Amino acid sequence: MHTALLGLLLLAAPAAAQDKQPLRPATAEEQKARAAVVIADYRHDDLLWENDRIAFRIYGRALERAEPPSSSGIDAWGKRVRWPFMDRQLRTGDQHADHGEGVDFYNVGTGRGTGGLGIWYDNKLWTSRNYVRPHILSARAPKSPTLPSIMIPGRSIPSARCAKRGASPCPPAAISPACPRPSRRAAPSN
């Protein structure tokens, strides 16, 4: 029995490896770009954005149906190159392997990733669902995905997530029509 199972696993391993594609080299034009934003409709509408130092991804609503349970966490990718690579790497089907330009080193799973939204209420983490639609002005301008409200017992709390080129996923001063200016509160005195 164990020998037959081992044989099936050995036969299945090469078949699974054949689903992966090599990373296509960046064209000269692609190497000139320093920032990019892409809606990966081939990957359940993931929203990818990157600058010349780091790359991020959030998951689209289609992923909730395709791979439940899904997460509205933010995925971070490390980079070795200054040009955009995420879209090409994601298309390989092997984004968690280093192909020389960078890697999706963070496995978000159902967690919050590097900045996903959530509220602790009644000893439980209540999170937003995956983004609904992005507001992309251009590859070099602020973008802000629309997120559904976080539902907790007896309340609906609006979600907002803002990003701008060259910044972390949620900089405090990122302003776009979909992201109102944050309120400024006095810091507590010591």
C-alpha atoms as a PDB file:
ATOM      1  CA  MET A   1       0.000   0.000   0.000  1.00  0.00           C
ATOM      2  CA  HIS A   2       2.727   2.478   0.998  1.00  0.00           C
ATOM      3  CA  THR A   3       4.774   1.567  -2.099  1.00  0.00           C
ATOM      4  CA  ALA A   4       1.787   2.216  -4.385  1.00  0.00           C
ATOM      5  CA  LEU A   5       1.111   5.575  -2.708  1.00  0.00           C
ATOM      6  CA  LEU A   6       4.763   6.568  -2.993  1.00  0.00           C
ATOM      7  CA  GLY A   7       4.710   5.597  -6.676  1.00  0.00           C
ATOM      8  CA  LEU A   8       1.652   7.801  -7.307  1.00  0.00           C
ATOM      9  CA  LEU A   9       3.299  10.730  -5.546  1.00  0.00           C
ATOM     10  CA  LEU A  10       6.481  10.338  -7.586  1.00  0.00           C
ATOM     11  CA  LEU A  11       4.452  10.271 -10.814  1.00  0.00           C
ATOM     12  CA  ALA A  12       2.390  13.301  -9.794  1.00  0.00           C
ATOM     13  CA  ALA A  13       5.385  15.479  -8.813  1.00  0.00           C
ATOM     14  CA  PRO A  14       6.737  15.989 -12.370  1.00  0.00           C
ATOM     15  CA  ALA A  15       3.217  16.767 -13.634  1.00  0.00           C
ATOM     16  CA  ALA A  16       2.775  19.475 -11.000  1.00  0.00           C
ATOM     17  CA  ALA A  17       6.194  20.952 -11.829  1.00  0.00           C
ATOM     18  CA  GLN A  18       5.227  21.239 -15.519  1.00  0.00           C
ATOM     19  CA  ASP A  19       2.458  23.751 -14.618  1.00  0.00           C
ATOM     20  CA  LYS A  20       5.147  26.351 -13.808  1.00  0.00           C
ATOM     21  CA  GLN A  21       6.469  28.713 -16.486  1.00  0.00           C
ATOM     22  CA  PRO A  22       9.933  30.311 -16.630  1.00  0.00           C
ATOM     23  CA  LEU A  23      10.186  34.012 -15.833  1.00  0.00           C
ATOM     24  CA  ARG A  24      10.172  36.005 -19.054  1.00  0.00           C
ATOM     25  CA  PRO A  25      13.075  38.502 -19.117  1.00  0.00           C
ATOM     26  CA  ALA A  26      12.077  42.160 -18.852  1.00  0.00           C
ATOM     27  CA  THR A  27      12.169  44.095 -22.102  1.00  0.00           C
ATOM     28  CA  ALA A  28      14.299  47.239 -22.406  1.00  0.00           C
ATOM     29  CA  GLU A  29      11.107  49.325 -22.190  1.00  0.00           C
ATOM     30  CA  GLU A  30       9.970  47.503 -19.026  1.00  0.00           C
ATOM     31  CA  GLN A  31      13.380  48.118 -17.448  1.00  0.00           C
ATOM     32  CA  LYS A  32      12.898  51.903 -17.806  1.00  0.00           C
ATOM     33  CA  ALA A  33       9.760  51.952 -15.627  1.00  0.00           C
ATOM     34  CA  ARG A  34      10.159  52.704 -11.918  1.00  0.00           C
ATOM     35  CA  ALA A  35       6.566  52.140 -10.799  1.00  0.00           C
ATOM     36  CA  ALA A  36       3.654  50.043 -12.013  1.00  0.00           C
ATOM     37  CA  VAL A  37       0.128  49.065 -11.118  1.00  0.00           C
ATOM     38  CA  VAL A  38      -1.642  46.057 -12.666  1.00  0.00           C
ATOM     39  CA  ILE A  39      -4.990  44.363 -12.173  1.00  0.00           C
ATOM     40  CA  ALA A  40      -4.152  40.678 -12.584  1.00  0.00           C
ATOM     41  CA  ASP A  41      -7.450  39.494 -14.051  1.00  0.00           C
ATOM     42  CA  TYR A  42      -5.810  36.136 -14.845  1.00  0.00           C
ATOM     43  CA  ARG A  43      -5.261  35.693 -11.073  1.00  0.00           C
ATOM     44  CA  HIS A  44      -8.721  36.436  -9.629  1.00  0.00           C
ATOM     45  CA  ASP A  45      -8.363  40.235 -10.007  1.00  0.00           C
ATOM     46  CA  ASP A  46      -5.373  40.655  -7.691  1.00  0.00           C
ATOM     47  CA  LEU A  47      -4.206  44.274  -7.558  1.00  0.00           C
ATOM     48  CA  LEU A  48      -0.419  44.562  -7.908  1.00  0.00           C
ATOM     49  CA  TRP A  49       1.554  47.745  -7.329  1.00  0.00           C
ATOM     50  CA  GLU A  50       5.261  48.303  -7.007  1.00  0.00           C
ATOM     51  CA  ASN A  51       7.954  50.920  -7.093  1.00  0.00           C
ATOM     52  CA  ASP A  52      11.681  50.481  -7.665  1.00  0.00           C
ATOM     53  CA  ARG A  53      12.256  49.092  -4.145  1.00  0.00           C
ATOM     54  CA  ILE A  54       9.297  46.943  -3.043  1.00  0.00           C
ATOM     55  CA  ALA A  55       6.084  45.442  -4.366  1.00  0.00           C
ATOM     56  CA  PHE A  56       2.636  44.808  -2.874  1.00  0.00           C
ATOM     57  CA  ARG A  57      -0.462  42.805  -3.764  1.00  0.00           C
ATOM     58  CA  ILE A  58      -4.014  42.713  -2.475  1.00  0.00           C
ATOM     59  CA  TYR A  59      -6.574  40.136  -3.401  1.00  0.00           C
ATOM     60  CA  GLY A  60      -9.690  40.649  -5.503  1.00  0.00           C
ATOM     61  CA  ARG A  61     -13.226  39.591  -4.675  1.00  0.00           C
ATOM     62  CA  ALA A  62     -13.034  36.747  -7.245  1.00  0.00           C
ATOM     63  CA  LEU A  63     -10.477  34.966  -5.027  1.00  0.00           C
ATOM     64  CA  GLU A  64     -13.069  34.614  -2.255  1.00  0.00           C
ATOM     65  CA  ARG A  65     -15.085  32.321  -4.537  1.00  0.00           C
ATOM     66  CA  ALA A  66     -12.109  30.503  -6.087  1.00  0.00           C
ATOM     67  CA  GLU A  67      -9.983  29.833  -2.988  1.00  0.00           C
ATOM     68  CA  PRO A  68     -11.979  30.228   0.232  1.00  0.00           C
ATOM     69  CA  PRO A  69     -11.141  31.220   2.872  1.00  0.00           C
ATOM     70  CA  SER A  70      -9.429  34.241   1.379  1.00  0.00           C
ATOM     71  CA  SER A  71      -7.760  37.241   2.989  1.00  0.00           C
ATOM     72  CA  SER A  72      -7.908  40.990   2.565  1.00  0.00           C
ATOM     73  CA  GLY A  73      -4.344  41.157   3.900  1.00  0.00           C
ATOM     74  CA  ILE A  74      -1.560  42.910   2.015  1.00  0.00           C
ATOM     75  CA  ASP A  75       1.119  40.748   0.410  1.00  0.00           C
ATOM     76  CA  ALA A  76       4.715  42.074   0.220  1.00  0.00           C
ATOM     77  CA  TRP A  77       7.311  41.063  -2.358  1.00  0.00           C
ATOM     78  CA  GLY A  78      11.047  41.663  -2.129  1.00  0.00           C
ATOM     79  CA  LYS A  79      12.922  42.944  -5.169  1.00  0.00           C
ATOM     80  CA  ARG A  80      16.431  42.568  -6.616  1.00  0.00           C
ATOM     81  CA  VAL A  81      15.810  44.826  -9.618  1.00  0.00           C
ATOM     82  CA  ARG A  82      14.640  48.426 -10.004  1.00  0.00           C
ATOM     83  CA  TRP A  83      12.014  47.707 -12.694  1.00  0.00           C
ATOM     84  CA  PRO A  84       8.556  46.142 -12.298  1.00  0.00           C
ATOM     85  CA  PHE A  85       8.573  42.349 -12.176  1.00  0.00           C
ATOM     86  CA  MET A  86       5.476  41.241 -10.226  1.00  0.00           C
ATOM     87  CA  ASP A  87       3.138  40.683 -13.145  1.00  0.00           C
ATOM     88  CA  ARG A  88       5.692  38.597 -15.056  1.00  0.00           C
ATOM     89  CA  GLN A  89       6.594  36.595 -11.921  1.00  0.00           C
ATOM     90  CA  LEU A  90       2.948  35.973 -10.949  1.00  0.00           C
ATOM     91  CA  ARG A  91       2.307  34.620 -14.460  1.00  0.00           C
ATOM     92  CA  THR A  92       4.941  31.909 -13.896  1.00  0.00           C
ATOM     93  CA  GLY A  93       2.656  30.249 -11.325  1.00  0.00           C
ATOM     94  CA  ASP A  94       5.715  30.043  -9.069  1.00  0.00           C
ATOM     95  CA  GLN A  95       5.843  33.447  -7.363  1.00  0.00           C
ATOM     96  CA  HIS A  96       7.193  32.024  -4.088  1.00  0.00           C
ATOM     97  CA  ALA A  97      10.433  30.944  -5.818  1.00  0.00           C
ATOM     98  CA  ASP A  98      13.289  33.331  -6.534  1.00  0.00           C
ATOM     99  CA  HIS A  99      13.769  33.612 -10.298  1.00  0.00           C
ATOM    100  CA  GLY A 100      16.478  36.279  -9.982  1.00  0.00           C
ATOM    101  CA  GLU A 101      14.422  39.510  -9.959  1.00  0.00           C
ATOM    102  CA  GLY A 102      12.556  39.153  -6.669  1.00  0.00           C
ATOM    103  CA  VAL A 103      10.175  36.908  -4.802  1.00  0.00           C
ATOM    104  CA  ASP A 104       6.813  36.757  -3.065  1.00  0.00           C
ATOM    105  CA  PHE A 105       8.403  35.885   0.270  1.00  0.00           C
ATOM    106  CA  TYR A 106       5.358  36.559   2.424  1.00  0.00           C
ATOM    107  CA  ASN A 107       2.616  33.943   2.641  1.00  0.00           C
ATOM    108  CA  VAL A 108      -0.425  35.959   3.743  1.00  0.00           C
ATOM    109  CA  GLY A 109      -2.852  33.036   3.946  1.00  0.00           C
ATOM    110  CA  THR A 110      -5.857  34.196   5.984  1.00  0.00           C
ATOM    111  CA  GLY A 111      -3.748  36.682   7.972  1.00  0.00           C
ATOM    112  CA  ARG A 112      -3.447  40.462   7.741  1.00  0.00           C
ATOM    113  CA  GLY A 113      -0.141  40.407   5.869  1.00  0.00           C
ATOM    114  CA  THR A 114       1.796  43.664   5.980  1.00  0.00           C
ATOM    115  CA  GLY A 115      -1.142  45.903   6.823  1.00  0.00           C
ATOM    116  CA  GLY A 116      -4.545  44.348   6.220  1.00  0.00           C
ATOM    117  CA  LEU A 117      -7.462  45.937   8.036  1.00  0.00           C
ATOM    118  CA  GLY A 118      -9.090  44.419  11.080  1.00  0.00           C
ATOM    119  CA  ILE A 119     -10.814  45.355  14.314  1.00  0.00           C
ATOM    120  CA  TRP A 120     -10.529  43.495  17.614  1.00  0.00           C
ATOM    121  CA  TYR A 121     -14.010  43.241  19.089  1.00  0.00           C
ATOM    122  CA  ASP A 122     -15.323  40.816  21.680  1.00  0.00           C
ATOM    123  CA  ASN A 123     -11.985  38.914  21.693  1.00  0.00           C
ATOM    124  CA  LYS A 124     -12.163  38.265  17.953  1.00  0.00           C
ATOM    125  CA  LEU A 125     -10.519  39.806  14.889  1.00  0.00           C
ATOM    126  CA  TRP A 126     -13.149  41.102  12.445  1.00  0.00           C
ATOM    127  CA  THR A 127     -11.722  41.814   9.003  1.00  0.00           C
ATOM    128  CA  SER A 128     -12.830  43.391   5.768  1.00  0.00           C
ATOM    129  CA  ARG A 129     -13.415  41.217   2.749  1.00  0.00           C
ATOM    130  CA  ASN A 130     -11.280  41.420  -0.389  1.00  0.00           C
ATOM    131  CA  TYR A 131     -11.313  44.651  -2.349  1.00  0.00           C
ATOM    132  CA  VAL A 132     -14.248  45.377  -4.641  1.00  0.00           C
ATOM    133  CA  ARG A 133     -12.777  47.735  -7.249  1.00  0.00           C
ATOM    134  CA  PRO A 134      -9.650  49.863  -7.560  1.00  0.00           C
ATOM    135  CA  HIS A 135      -9.495  53.564  -8.362  1.00  0.00           C
ATOM    136  CA  ILE A 136      -6.365  53.778 -10.516  1.00  0.00           C
ATOM    137  CA  LEU A 137      -5.523  57.199 -11.910  1.00  0.00           C
ATOM    138  CA  SER A 138      -2.279  56.080 -13.608  1.00  0.00           C
ATOM    139  CA  ALA A 139       0.686  53.840 -12.899  1.00  0.00           C
ATOM    140  CA  ARG A 140       2.396  56.833 -11.237  1.00  0.00           C
ATOM    141  CA  ALA A 141      -0.539  58.336  -9.341  1.00  0.00           C
ATOM    142  CA  PRO A 142      -2.331  57.427  -6.100  1.00  0.00           C
ATOM    143  CA  LYS A 143      -4.637  54.451  -6.186  1.00  0.00           C
ATOM    144  CA  SER A 144      -7.114  53.341  -3.603  1.00  0.00           C
ATOM    145  CA  PRO A 145      -9.165  50.168  -3.725  1.00  0.00           C
ATOM    146  CA  THR A 146     -12.745  50.159  -2.520  1.00  0.00           C
ATOM    147  CA  LEU A 147     -13.205  47.747   0.363  1.00  0.00           C
ATOM    148  CA  PRO A 148     -16.469  46.579   1.878  1.00  0.00           C
ATOM    149  CA  SER A 149     -17.241  47.558   5.448  1.00  0.00           C
ATOM    150  CA  ILE A 150     -16.030  45.412   8.329  1.00  0.00           C
ATOM    151  CA  MET A 151     -19.084  43.757   9.848  1.00  0.00           C
ATOM    152  CA  ILE A 152     -19.077  43.165  13.605  1.00  0.00           C
ATOM    153  CA  PRO A 153     -22.099  42.313  15.733  1.00  0.00           C
ATOM    154  CA  GLY A 154     -24.440  45.304  15.724  1.00  0.00           C
ATOM    155  CA  ARG A 155     -22.107  47.526  13.656  1.00  0.00           C
ATOM    156  CA  SER A 156     -20.813  48.146  10.161  1.00  0.00           C
ATOM    157  CA  ILE A 157     -17.449  49.927  10.109  1.00  0.00           C
ATOM    158  CA  PRO A 158     -16.335  51.520   6.815  1.00  0.00           C
ATOM    159  CA  SER A 159     -13.001  50.321   5.429  1.00  0.00           C
ATOM    160  CA  ALA A 160     -10.522  52.549   3.656  1.00  0.00           C
ATOM    161  CA  ARG A 161      -7.088  51.787   2.299  1.00  0.00           C
ATOM    162  CA  CYS A 162      -4.905  54.304   0.509  1.00  0.00           C
ATOM    163  CA  ALA A 163      -1.550  54.044  -1.208  1.00  0.00           C
ATOM    164  CA  LYS A 164       0.772  56.272  -3.149  1.00  0.00           C
ATOM    165  CA  ARG A 165       3.837  55.616  -5.258  1.00  0.00           C
ATOM    166  CA  GLY A 166       6.960  55.040  -3.237  1.00  0.00           C
ATOM    167  CA  ALA A 167       5.170  54.612   0.072  1.00  0.00           C
ATOM    168  CA  SER A 168       3.998  51.853   2.326  1.00  0.00           C
ATOM    169  CA  PRO A 169       0.502  50.432   1.668  1.00  0.00           C
ATOM    170  CA  CYS A 170      -1.245  52.884   4.007  1.00  0.00           C
ATOM    171  CA  PRO A 171       0.676  56.130   4.418  1.00  0.00           C
ATOM    172  CA  PRO A 172      -1.061  58.506   6.847  1.00  0.00           C
ATOM    173  CA  ALA A 173      -1.041  61.441   4.428  1.00  0.00           C
ATOM    174  CA  ALA A 174      -2.097  59.723   1.187  1.00  0.00           C
ATOM    175  CA  ILE A 175      -4.970  61.727  -0.214  1.00  0.00           C
ATOM    176  CA  SER A 176      -7.140  60.883  -3.181  1.00  0.00           C
ATOM    177  CA  PRO A 177     -10.854  61.396  -3.832  1.00  0.00           C
ATOM    178  CA  ALA A 178     -11.597  57.990  -2.267  1.00  0.00           C
ATOM    179  CA  CYS A 179      -9.358  58.589   0.776  1.00  0.00           C
ATOM    180  CA  PRO A 180     -10.394  61.471   3.046  1.00  0.00           C
ATOM    181  CA  ARG A 181      -7.716  63.381   4.934  1.00  0.00           C
ATOM    182  CA  PRO A 182      -7.008  61.646   8.256  1.00  0.00           C
ATOM    183  CA  SER A 183      -8.053  63.500  11.380  1.00  0.00           C
ATOM    184  CA  ARG A 184      -5.241  64.947  13.438  1.00  0.00           C
ATOM    185  CA  ARG A 185      -5.457  64.304  17.166  1.00  0.00           C
ATOM    186  CA  ALA A 186      -3.200  65.783  19.779  1.00  0.00           C
ATOM    187  CA  ALA A 187      -0.543  63.367  20.930  1.00  0.00           C
ATOM    188  CA  PRO A 188      -0.887  62.330  24.576  1.00  0.00           C
ATOM    189  CA  SER A 189       1.530  64.160  26.861  1.00  0.00           C
ATOM    190  CA  ASN A 190       3.872  62.201  29.084  1.00  0.00           C
END
